[in-house]
Amino acid sequence: MTTPPASRDPLHGVTLEKLLTELVAELGWDGMADRVDVRCFRFDPSIKSSLAFLRKTPWARAKVEALYVARKRTI
């Protein structure tokens, strides 16, 4: 019996909450707002409100996911 190959998707197994939490810890809300210009990062930001927005806004979620992948590749 062989094990299946590991996924090459850098987002495999990473929840949106986990990646957002890591990015905010690294960049802060101001850094997030500079990189992805959305209101939920600029005005009264929170993980909860940002998750709600990102889950219903595919283009913003894609930008945040791309930022996460880019940050992970530089480490």
PDB file of N, CA and C in Angstrom:
ATOM      1  N   MET A   1       0.843  -1.177   0.000  1.00  0.00           N
ATOM      2  CA  MET A   1       0.000   0.000   0.000  1.00  0.00           C
ATOM      3  C   MET A   1       0.894   1.248   0.000  1.00  0.00           C
ATOM      4  N   THR A   2       0.645   2.157  -0.907  1.00  0.00           N
ATOM      5  CA  THR A   2       1.445   3.382  -0.981  1.00  0.00           C
ATOM      6  C   THR A   2       0.631   4.561  -0.480  1.00  0.00           C
ATOM      7  N   THR A   3       1.341   5.570  -0.009  1.00  0.00           N
ATOM      8  CA  THR A   3       0.660   6.775   0.449  1.00  0.00           C
ATOM      9  C   THR A   3       0.490   7.714  -0.728  1.00  0.00           C
ATOM     10  N   PRO A   4      -0.598   8.456  -0.735  1.00  0.00           N
ATOM     11  CA  PRO A   4      -0.809   9.397  -1.836  1.00  0.00           C
ATOM     12  C   PRO A   4       0.234  10.513  -1.784  1.00  0.00           C
ATOM     13  N   PRO A   5       0.585  11.060  -2.942  1.00  0.00           N
ATOM     14  CA  PRO A   5       1.579  12.140  -2.942  1.00  0.00           C
ATOM     15  C   PRO A   5       1.045  13.372  -2.214  1.00  0.00           C
ATOM     16  N   ALA A   6       1.950  14.119  -1.631  1.00  0.00           N
ATOM     17  CA  ALA A   6       1.567  15.340  -0.919  1.00  0.00           C
ATOM     18  C   ALA A   6       1.033  16.368  -1.912  1.00  0.00           C
ATOM     19  N   SER A   7       0.074  17.140  -1.453  1.00  0.00           N
ATOM     20  CA  SER A   7      -0.512  18.171  -2.304  1.00  0.00           C
ATOM     21  C   SER A   7       0.512  19.271  -2.567  1.00  0.00           C
ATOM     22  N   ARG A   8       0.525  19.765  -3.781  1.00  0.00           N
ATOM     23  CA  ARG A   8       1.420  20.864  -4.129  1.00  0.00           C
ATOM     24  C   ARG A   8       0.749  22.218  -3.941  1.00  0.00           C
ATOM     25  N   ASP A   9      -0.506  22.202  -3.580  1.00  0.00           N
ATOM     26  CA  ASP A   9      -1.246  23.433  -3.335  1.00  0.00           C
ATOM     27  C   ASP A   9      -0.762  24.052  -2.025  1.00  0.00           C
ATOM     28  N   PRO A  10      -0.180  25.258  -2.069  1.00  0.00           N
ATOM     29  CA  PRO A  10       0.328  25.867  -0.836  1.00  0.00           C
ATOM     30  C   PRO A  10      -0.772  26.227   0.166  1.00  0.00           C
ATOM     31  N   LEU A  11      -2.017  26.224  -0.283  1.00  0.00           N
ATOM     32  CA  LEU A  11      -3.129  26.537   0.618  1.00  0.00           C
ATOM     33  C   LEU A  11      -3.804  25.279   1.163  1.00  0.00           C
ATOM     34  N   HIS A  12      -3.295  24.106   0.770  1.00  0.00           N
ATOM     35  CA  HIS A  12      -3.885  22.851   1.209  1.00  0.00           C
ATOM     36  C   HIS A  12      -3.836  22.747   2.734  1.00  0.00           C
ATOM     37  N   GLY A  13      -4.989  22.578   3.354  1.00  0.00           N
ATOM     38  CA  GLY A  13      -5.069  22.418   4.793  1.00  0.00           C
ATOM     39  C   GLY A  13      -5.011  23.708   5.590  1.00  0.00           C
ATOM     40  N   VAL A  14      -4.949  24.836   4.913  1.00  0.00           N
ATOM     41  CA  VAL A  14      -4.883  26.137   5.601  1.00  0.00           C
ATOM     42  C   VAL A  14      -6.251  26.796   5.522  1.00  0.00           C
ATOM     43  N   THR A  15      -6.835  27.070   6.666  1.00  0.00           N
ATOM     44  CA  THR A  15      -8.143  27.725   6.673  1.00  0.00           C
ATOM     45  C   THR A  15      -7.977  29.216   6.398  1.00  0.00           C
ATOM     46  N   LEU A  16      -9.039  29.831   5.952  1.00  0.00           N
ATOM     47  CA  LEU A  16      -9.021  31.272   5.709  1.00  0.00           C
ATOM     48  C   LEU A  16      -8.727  32.015   7.015  1.00  0.00           C
ATOM     49  N   GLU A  17      -9.283  31.545   8.109  1.00  0.00           N
ATOM     50  CA  GLU A  17      -9.039  32.191   9.403  1.00  0.00           C
ATOM     51  C   GLU A  17      -7.560  32.093   9.784  1.00  0.00           C
ATOM     52  N   LYS A  18      -6.950  30.947   9.573  1.00  0.00           N
ATOM     53  CA  LYS A  18      -5.536  30.769   9.924  1.00  0.00           C
ATOM     54  C   LYS A  18      -4.651  31.682   9.090  1.00  0.00           C
ATOM     55  N   LEU A  19      -4.877  31.730   7.788  1.00  0.00           N
ATOM     56  CA  LEU A  19      -4.002  32.560   6.954  1.00  0.00           C
ATOM     57  C   LEU A  19      -4.202  34.037   7.238  1.00  0.00           C
ATOM     58  N   LEU A  20      -5.448  34.458   7.495  1.00  0.00           N
ATOM     59  CA  LEU A  20      -5.706  35.850   7.832  1.00  0.00           C
ATOM     60  C   LEU A  20      -5.054  36.213   9.166  1.00  0.00           C
ATOM     61  N   THR A  21      -5.165  35.337  10.143  1.00  0.00           N
ATOM     62  CA  THR A  21      -4.563  35.573  11.453  1.00  0.00           C
ATOM     63  C   THR A  21      -3.043  35.699  11.337  1.00  0.00           C
ATOM     64  N   GLU A  22      -2.421  34.834  10.558  1.00  0.00           N
ATOM     65  CA  GLU A  22      -0.974  34.898  10.361  1.00  0.00           C
ATOM     66  C   GLU A  22      -0.554  36.190   9.661  1.00  0.00           C
ATOM     67  N   LEU A  23      -1.300  36.573   8.623  1.00  0.00           N
ATOM     68  CA  LEU A  23      -0.962  37.798   7.907  1.00  0.00           C
ATOM     69  C   LEU A  23      -1.109  39.031   8.792  1.00  0.00           C
ATOM     70  N   VAL A  24      -2.169  39.084   9.570  1.00  0.00           N
ATOM     71  CA  VAL A  24      -2.380  40.231  10.459  1.00  0.00           C
ATOM     72  C   VAL A  24      -1.283  40.274  11.528  1.00  0.00           C
ATOM     73  N   ALA A  25      -0.876  39.125  12.042  1.00  0.00           N
ATOM     74  CA  ALA A  25       0.190  39.085  13.043  1.00  0.00           C
ATOM     75  C   ALA A  25       1.507  39.586  12.444  1.00  0.00           C
ATOM     76  N   GLU A  26       1.743  39.264  11.189  1.00  0.00           N
ATOM     77  CA  GLU A  26       2.991  39.652  10.526  1.00  0.00           C
ATOM     78  C   GLU A  26       2.969  41.092  10.020  1.00  0.00           C
ATOM     79  N   LEU A  27       1.852  41.493   9.391  1.00  0.00           N
ATOM     80  CA  LEU A  27       1.782  42.788   8.711  1.00  0.00           C
ATOM     81  C   LEU A  27       1.006  43.855   9.474  1.00  0.00           C
ATOM     82  N   GLY A  28       0.118  43.432  10.348  1.00  0.00           N
ATOM     83  CA  GLY A  28      -0.782  44.362  11.020  1.00  0.00           C
ATOM     84  C   GLY A  28      -1.924  44.754  10.089  1.00  0.00           C
ATOM     85  N   TRP A  29      -2.934  45.389  10.652  1.00  0.00           N
ATOM     86  CA  TRP A  29      -4.094  45.790   9.842  1.00  0.00           C
ATOM     87  C   TRP A  29      -3.718  46.849   8.815  1.00  0.00           C
ATOM     88  N   ASP A  30      -2.838  47.781   9.203  1.00  0.00           N
ATOM     89  CA  ASP A  30      -2.415  48.815   8.252  1.00  0.00           C
ATOM     90  C   ASP A  30      -1.673  48.201   7.069  1.00  0.00           C
ATOM     91  N   GLY A  31      -0.819  47.234   7.349  1.00  0.00           N
ATOM     92  CA  GLY A  31      -0.096  46.548   6.288  1.00  0.00           C
ATOM     93  C   GLY A  31      -1.032  45.773   5.366  1.00  0.00           C
ATOM     94  N   MET A  32      -2.046  45.171   5.952  1.00  0.00           N
ATOM     95  CA  MET A  32      -3.041  44.452   5.143  1.00  0.00           C
ATOM     96  C   MET A  32      -3.791  45.438   4.251  1.00  0.00           C
ATOM     97  N   ALA A  33      -4.191  46.574   4.827  1.00  0.00           N
ATOM     98  CA  ALA A  33      -4.947  47.575   4.074  1.00  0.00           C
ATOM     99  C   ALA A  33      -4.098  48.161   2.945  1.00  0.00           C
ATOM    100  N   ASP A  34      -2.802  48.309   3.167  1.00  0.00           N
ATOM    101  CA  ASP A  34      -1.914  48.808   2.110  1.00  0.00           C
ATOM    102  C   ASP A  34      -1.809  47.828   0.944  1.00  0.00           C
ATOM    103  N   ARG A  35      -1.864  46.551   1.247  1.00  0.00           N
ATOM    104  CA  ARG A  35      -1.687  45.525   0.214  1.00  0.00           C
ATOM    105  C   ARG A  35      -2.989  45.108  -0.451  1.00  0.00           C
ATOM    106  N   VAL A  36      -4.083  45.106   0.314  1.00  0.00           N
ATOM    107  CA  VAL A  36      -5.414  44.765  -0.211  1.00  0.00           C
ATOM    108  C   VAL A  36      -6.358  45.865   0.273  1.00  0.00           C
ATOM    109  N   ASP A  37      -6.690  46.777  -0.612  1.00  0.00           N
ATOM    110  CA  ASP A  37      -7.450  47.973  -0.240  1.00  0.00           C
ATOM    111  C   ASP A  37      -8.947  47.671  -0.138  1.00  0.00           C
ATOM    112  N   VAL A  38      -9.339  47.220   1.054  1.00  0.00           N
ATOM    113  CA  VAL A  38     -10.756  46.971   1.333  1.00  0.00           C
ATOM    114  C   VAL A  38     -11.109  47.607   2.682  1.00  0.00           C
ATOM    115  N   ARG A  39     -12.349  48.031   2.816  1.00  0.00           N
ATOM    116  CA  ARG A  39     -12.795  48.734   4.029  1.00  0.00           C
ATOM    117  C   ARG A  39     -12.625  47.894   5.294  1.00  0.00           C
ATOM    118  N   CYS A  40     -12.834  46.585   5.200  1.00  0.00           N
ATOM    119  CA  CYS A  40     -12.784  45.762   6.415  1.00  0.00           C
ATOM    120  C   CYS A  40     -11.382  45.713   7.017  1.00  0.00           C
ATOM    121  N   PHE A  41     -10.362  46.109   6.265  1.00  0.00           N
ATOM    122  CA  PHE A  41      -9.006  46.190   6.811  1.00  0.00           C
ATOM    123  C   PHE A  41      -8.681  47.599   7.291  1.00  0.00           C
ATOM    124  N   ARG A  42      -9.399  48.598   6.797  1.00  0.00           N
ATOM    125  CA  ARG A  42      -9.087  49.998   7.119  1.00  0.00           C
ATOM    126  C   ARG A  42      -9.900  50.556   8.287  1.00  0.00           C
ATOM    127  N   PHE A  43     -11.170  50.225   8.363  1.00  0.00           N
ATOM    128  CA  PHE A  43     -12.064  50.833   9.345  1.00  0.00           C
ATOM    129  C   PHE A  43     -12.576  49.797  10.339  1.00  0.00           C
ATOM    130  N   ASP A  44     -12.188  49.948  11.594  1.00  0.00           N
ATOM    131  CA  ASP A  44     -12.601  49.055  12.673  1.00  0.00           C
ATOM    132  C   ASP A  44     -12.394  47.581  12.309  1.00  0.00           C
ATOM    133  N   PRO A  45     -11.152  47.201  11.958  1.00  0.00           N
ATOM    134  CA  PRO A  45     -10.904  45.843  11.494  1.00  0.00           C
ATOM    135  C   PRO A  45     -10.986  44.799  12.605  1.00  0.00           C
ATOM    136  N   SER A  46     -11.463  43.631  12.238  1.00  0.00           N
ATOM    137  CA  SER A  46     -11.458  42.477  13.131  1.00  0.00           C
ATOM    138  C   SER A  46     -11.381  41.224  12.268  1.00  0.00           C
ATOM    139  N   ILE A  47     -10.926  40.152  12.874  1.00  0.00           N
ATOM    140  CA  ILE A  47     -10.852  38.884  12.149  1.00  0.00           C
ATOM    141  C   ILE A  47     -12.261  38.468  11.714  1.00  0.00           C
ATOM    142  N   LYS A  48     -13.219  38.581  12.620  1.00  0.00           N
ATOM    143  CA  LYS A  48     -14.598  38.143  12.333  1.00  0.00           C
ATOM    144  C   LYS A  48     -15.199  38.894  11.138  1.00  0.00           C
ATOM    145  N   SER A  49     -15.112  40.228  11.146  1.00  0.00           N
ATOM    146  CA  SER A  49     -15.712  40.992  10.047  1.00  0.00           C
ATOM    147  C   SER A  49     -14.953  40.765   8.742  1.00  0.00           C
ATOM    148  N   SER A  50     -13.648  40.610   8.827  1.00  0.00           N
ATOM    149  CA  SER A  50     -12.852  40.373   7.622  1.00  0.00           C
ATOM    150  C   SER A  50     -13.162  39.008   7.021  1.00  0.00           C
ATOM    151  N   LEU A  51     -13.327  38.001   7.869  1.00  0.00           N
ATOM    152  CA  LEU A  51     -13.683  36.668   7.369  1.00  0.00           C
ATOM    153  C   LEU A  51     -15.037  36.696   6.660  1.00  0.00           C
ATOM    154  N   ALA A  52     -16.004  37.375   7.248  1.00  0.00           N
ATOM    155  CA  ALA A  52     -17.330  37.465   6.629  1.00  0.00           C
ATOM    156  C   ALA A  52     -17.229  38.118   5.253  1.00  0.00           C
ATOM    157  N   PHE A  53     -16.473  39.203   5.156  1.00  0.00           N
ATOM    158  CA  PHE A  53     -16.308  39.897   3.882  1.00  0.00           C
ATOM    159  C   PHE A  53     -15.578  39.025   2.867  1.00  0.00           C
ATOM    160  N   LEU A  54     -14.468  38.420   3.271  1.00  0.00           N
ATOM    161  CA  LEU A  54     -13.665  37.626   2.340  1.00  0.00           C
ATOM    162  C   LEU A  54     -14.416  36.392   1.849  1.00  0.00           C
ATOM    163  N   ARG A  55     -15.248  35.816   2.680  1.00  0.00           N
ATOM    164  CA  ARG A  55     -16.002  34.623   2.271  1.00  0.00           C
ATOM    165  C   ARG A  55     -17.049  34.939   1.209  1.00  0.00           C
ATOM    166  N   LYS A  56     -17.530  36.178   1.171  1.00  0.00           N
ATOM    167  CA  LYS A  56     -18.546  36.512   0.164  1.00  0.00           C
ATOM    168  C   LYS A  56     -18.000  37.362  -0.977  1.00  0.00           C
ATOM    169  N   THR A  57     -16.694  37.641  -0.980  1.00  0.00           N
ATOM    170  CA  THR A  57     -16.090  38.480  -2.012  1.00  0.00           C
ATOM    171  C   THR A  57     -14.892  37.754  -2.627  1.00  0.00           C
ATOM    172  N   PRO A  58     -15.126  36.974  -3.683  1.00  0.00           N
ATOM    173  CA  PRO A  58     -14.059  36.136  -4.250  1.00  0.00           C
ATOM    174  C   PRO A  58     -12.802  36.885  -4.686  1.00  0.00           C
ATOM    175  N   TRP A  59     -12.942  38.090  -5.258  1.00  0.00           N
ATOM    176  CA  TRP A  59     -11.743  38.790  -5.731  1.00  0.00           C
ATOM    177  C   TRP A  59     -10.849  39.219  -4.569  1.00  0.00           C
ATOM    178  N   ALA A  60     -11.456  39.631  -3.445  1.00  0.00           N
ATOM    179  CA  ALA A  60     -10.673  40.038  -2.278  1.00  0.00           C
ATOM    180  C   ALA A  60     -10.022  38.822  -1.623  1.00  0.00           C
ATOM    181  N   ARG A  61     -10.769  37.733  -1.551  1.00  0.00           N
ATOM    182  CA  ARG A  61     -10.208  36.500  -0.976  1.00  0.00           C
ATOM    183  C   ARG A  61      -9.016  36.033  -1.798  1.00  0.00           C
ATOM    184  N   ALA A  62      -9.131  36.097  -3.114  1.00  0.00           N
ATOM    185  CA  ALA A  62      -8.027  35.679  -3.994  1.00  0.00           C
ATOM    186  C   ALA A  62      -6.784  36.531  -3.744  1.00  0.00           C
ATOM    187  N   LYS A  63      -6.970  37.830  -3.528  1.00  0.00           N
ATOM    188  CA  LYS A  63      -5.825  38.712  -3.255  1.00  0.00           C
ATOM    189  C   LYS A  63      -5.163  38.367  -1.923  1.00  0.00           C
ATOM    190  N   VAL A  64      -5.961  38.099  -0.907  1.00  0.00           N
ATOM    191  CA  VAL A  64      -5.421  37.748   0.401  1.00  0.00           C
ATOM    192  C   VAL A  64      -4.702  36.400   0.327  1.00  0.00           C
ATOM    193  N   GLU A  65      -5.285  35.435  -0.363  1.00  0.00           N
ATOM    194  CA  GLU A  65      -4.642  34.134  -0.514  1.00  0.00           C
ATOM    195  C   GLU A  65      -3.323  34.261  -1.280  1.00  0.00           C
ATOM    196  N   ALA A  66      -3.302  35.079  -2.328  1.00  0.00           N
ATOM    197  CA  ALA A  66      -2.074  35.283  -3.099  1.00  0.00           C
ATOM    198  C   ALA A  66      -1.008  35.953  -2.234  1.00  0.00           C
ATOM    199  N   LEU A  67      -1.398  36.887  -1.396  1.00  0.00           N
ATOM    200  CA  LEU A  67      -0.468  37.548  -0.490  1.00  0.00           C
ATOM    201  C   LEU A  67       0.120  36.527   0.486  1.00  0.00           C
ATOM    202  N   TYR A  68      -0.709  35.650   1.008  1.00  0.00           N
ATOM    203  CA  TYR A  68      -0.261  34.616   1.940  1.00  0.00           C
ATOM    204  C   TYR A  68       0.758  33.694   1.273  1.00  0.00           C
ATOM    205  N   VAL A  69       0.440  33.241   0.070  1.00  0.00           N
ATOM    206  CA  VAL A  69       1.345  32.338  -0.656  1.00  0.00           C
ATOM    207  C   VAL A  69       2.666  33.041  -0.945  1.00  0.00           C
ATOM    208  N   ALA A  70       2.610  34.294  -1.365  1.00  0.00           N
ATOM    209  CA  ALA A  70       3.832  35.046  -1.650  1.00  0.00           C
ATOM    210  C   ALA A  70       4.688  35.210  -0.393  1.00  0.00           C
ATOM    211  N   ARG A  71       4.055  35.476   0.739  1.00  0.00           N
ATOM    212  CA  ARG A  71       4.799  35.637   2.002  1.00  0.00           C
ATOM    213  C   ARG A  71       5.435  34.328   2.430  1.00  0.00           C
ATOM    214  N   LYS A  72       4.741  33.216   2.213  1.00  0.00           N
ATOM    215  CA  LYS A  72       5.270  31.904   2.603  1.00  0.00           C
ATOM    216  C   LYS A  72       6.472  31.509   1.718  1.00  0.00           C
ATOM    217  N   ARG A  73       6.453  31.912   0.471  1.00  0.00           N
ATOM    218  CA  ARG A  73       7.549  31.564  -0.432  1.00  0.00           C
ATOM    219  C   ARG A  73       8.826  32.334  -0.101  1.00  0.00           C
ATOM    220  N   THR A  74       8.690  33.488   0.529  1.00  0.00           N
ATOM    221  CA  THR A  74       9.872  34.286   0.855  1.00  0.00           C
ATOM    222  C   THR A  74      10.516  33.853   2.169  1.00  0.00           C
ATOM    223  N   ILE A  75       9.842  32.971   2.889  1.00  0.00           N
ATOM    224  CA  ILE A  75      10.375  32.510   4.179  1.00  0.00           C
ATOM    225  C   ILE A  75      11.349  31.367   3.950  1.00  0.00           C
TER     226      ILE A  75
END
